[in-house]
Amino acid sequence: MRLLEAPDARGQPARLDLAGRTGDHVSLLPIGGVEGVTTEGLRYPLRDEDLPAGPARGLSNLRDPENAAVTARRGGLRVVEVPAALGA
């Protein structure tokens, strides 16, 4: 589990690169609320979407290529990665 806090030190959207295996599970859990979430390389993409506290749309996504990423404009986001072998 890693934490993505946005904006970054320069006031820009924060990015977290996610290197792993195809098929690994990736869940995005907002802390409070998160604005402007965009994902790359995940089966169910998010495009500049807000994730409010409570029921999360970012649960149980799957990495399609080996390299993926998540970007957020504002807020805190817990990024949980689970190898496919453990998530089955």
Protein backbone atom coordinates (compact mmCIF):
# COMPACT_ATOMS: atom_id res chain seq x y z
CA MET A 1 0.00 0.00 0.00
CA ARG A 2 1.26 3.46 -0.91
CA LEU A 3 -0.06 6.97 -0.43
CA LEU A 4 -0.50 9.54 -3.18
CA GLU A 5 -0.88 13.10 -1.90
CA ALA A 6 -1.84 15.86 -4.32
CA PRO A 7 -0.86 18.42 -5.32
CA ASP A 8 2.87 17.71 -5.42
CA ALA A 9 5.55 20.03 -3.98
CA ARG A 10 5.36 22.24 -7.11
CA GLY A 11 1.57 22.56 -6.88
CA GLN A 12 1.05 20.19 -9.83
CA PRO A 13 -1.05 17.02 -9.98
CA ALA A 14 0.75 14.16 -8.22
CA ARG A 15 1.60 10.96 -10.12
CA LEU A 16 2.40 7.49 -8.86
CA ASP A 17 3.91 4.95 -11.28
CA LEU A 18 2.75 1.38 -10.70
CA ALA A 19 5.09 -1.26 -12.10
CA GLY A 20 3.97 -4.86 -11.68
CA ARG A 21 2.56 -7.87 -13.48
CA THR A 22 -0.35 -7.96 -15.86
CA GLY A 23 -3.45 -9.10 -13.95
CA ASP A 24 -2.38 -7.70 -10.57
CA HIS A 25 -5.22 -6.10 -8.59
CA VAL A 26 -5.09 -2.35 -7.91
CA SER A 27 -7.52 -0.56 -5.58
CA LEU A 28 -7.76 3.20 -5.07
CA LEU A 29 -9.13 4.25 -1.69
CA PRO A 30 -9.80 7.98 -1.22
CA ILE A 31 -8.89 9.64 2.06
CA GLY A 32 -11.65 12.20 2.51
CA GLY A 33 -12.26 13.03 -1.12
CA VAL A 34 -9.93 13.17 -4.12
CA GLU A 35 -10.29 15.42 -7.16
CA GLY A 36 -9.19 14.76 -10.73
CA VAL A 37 -8.15 11.11 -10.63
CA THR A 38 -6.81 9.69 -13.89
CA THR A 39 -5.47 6.17 -14.36
CA GLU A 40 -3.33 4.67 -17.11
CA GLY A 41 -2.81 0.97 -17.78
CA LEU A 42 -5.75 -0.26 -15.70
CA ARG A 43 -8.60 -2.26 -17.21
CA TYR A 44 -11.28 0.14 -15.92
CA PRO A 45 -9.89 3.64 -16.52
CA LEU A 46 -10.72 6.82 -14.66
CA ARG A 47 -10.43 10.10 -16.58
CA ASP A 48 -10.20 13.26 -14.45
CA GLU A 49 -12.84 11.93 -12.05
CA ASP A 50 -13.52 12.79 -8.43
CA LEU A 51 -13.60 10.01 -5.84
CA PRO A 52 -15.62 11.08 -2.80
CA ALA A 53 -15.30 9.51 0.63
CA GLY A 54 -17.56 6.49 1.09
CA PRO A 55 -18.40 3.97 -1.61
CA ALA A 56 -15.35 3.89 -3.86
CA ARG A 57 -15.36 3.37 -7.61
CA GLY A 58 -11.65 2.57 -7.52
CA LEU A 59 -11.87 -0.89 -5.94
CA SER A 60 -10.56 -4.10 -7.51
CA ASN A 61 -9.22 -2.80 -10.79
CA LEU A 62 -6.76 -4.88 -12.84
CA ARG A 63 -3.41 -3.91 -14.32
CA ASP A 64 -3.46 -4.61 -18.07
CA PRO A 65 0.14 -3.84 -19.10
CA GLU A 66 3.04 -4.24 -16.69
CA ASN A 67 3.31 -0.47 -16.23
CA ALA A 68 0.40 1.60 -14.98
CA ALA A 69 0.00 4.95 -13.23
CA VAL A 70 -2.45 7.03 -11.23
CA THR A 71 -2.58 10.83 -11.13
CA ALA A 72 -4.64 13.09 -8.85
CA ARG A 73 -5.08 16.87 -8.72
CA ARG A 74 -6.05 17.28 -5.06
CA GLY A 75 -6.45 15.05 -2.02
CA GLY A 76 -5.07 11.83 -0.58
CA LEU A 77 -5.39 8.43 -2.18
CA ARG A 78 -4.32 5.05 -0.79
CA VAL A 79 -3.12 2.81 -3.61
CA VAL A 80 -3.28 -0.89 -2.73
CA GLU A 81 -1.61 -3.39 -5.07
CA VAL A 82 -2.14 -7.14 -4.68
CA PRO A 83 -0.42 -9.74 -6.88
CA ALA A 84 -2.91 -11.67 -8.99
CA ALA A 85 -1.96 -14.95 -7.30
CA LEU A 86 -3.02 -13.56 -3.90
CA GLY A 87 -6.13 -11.74 -5.13
CA ALA A 88 -7.74 -14.84 -6.65
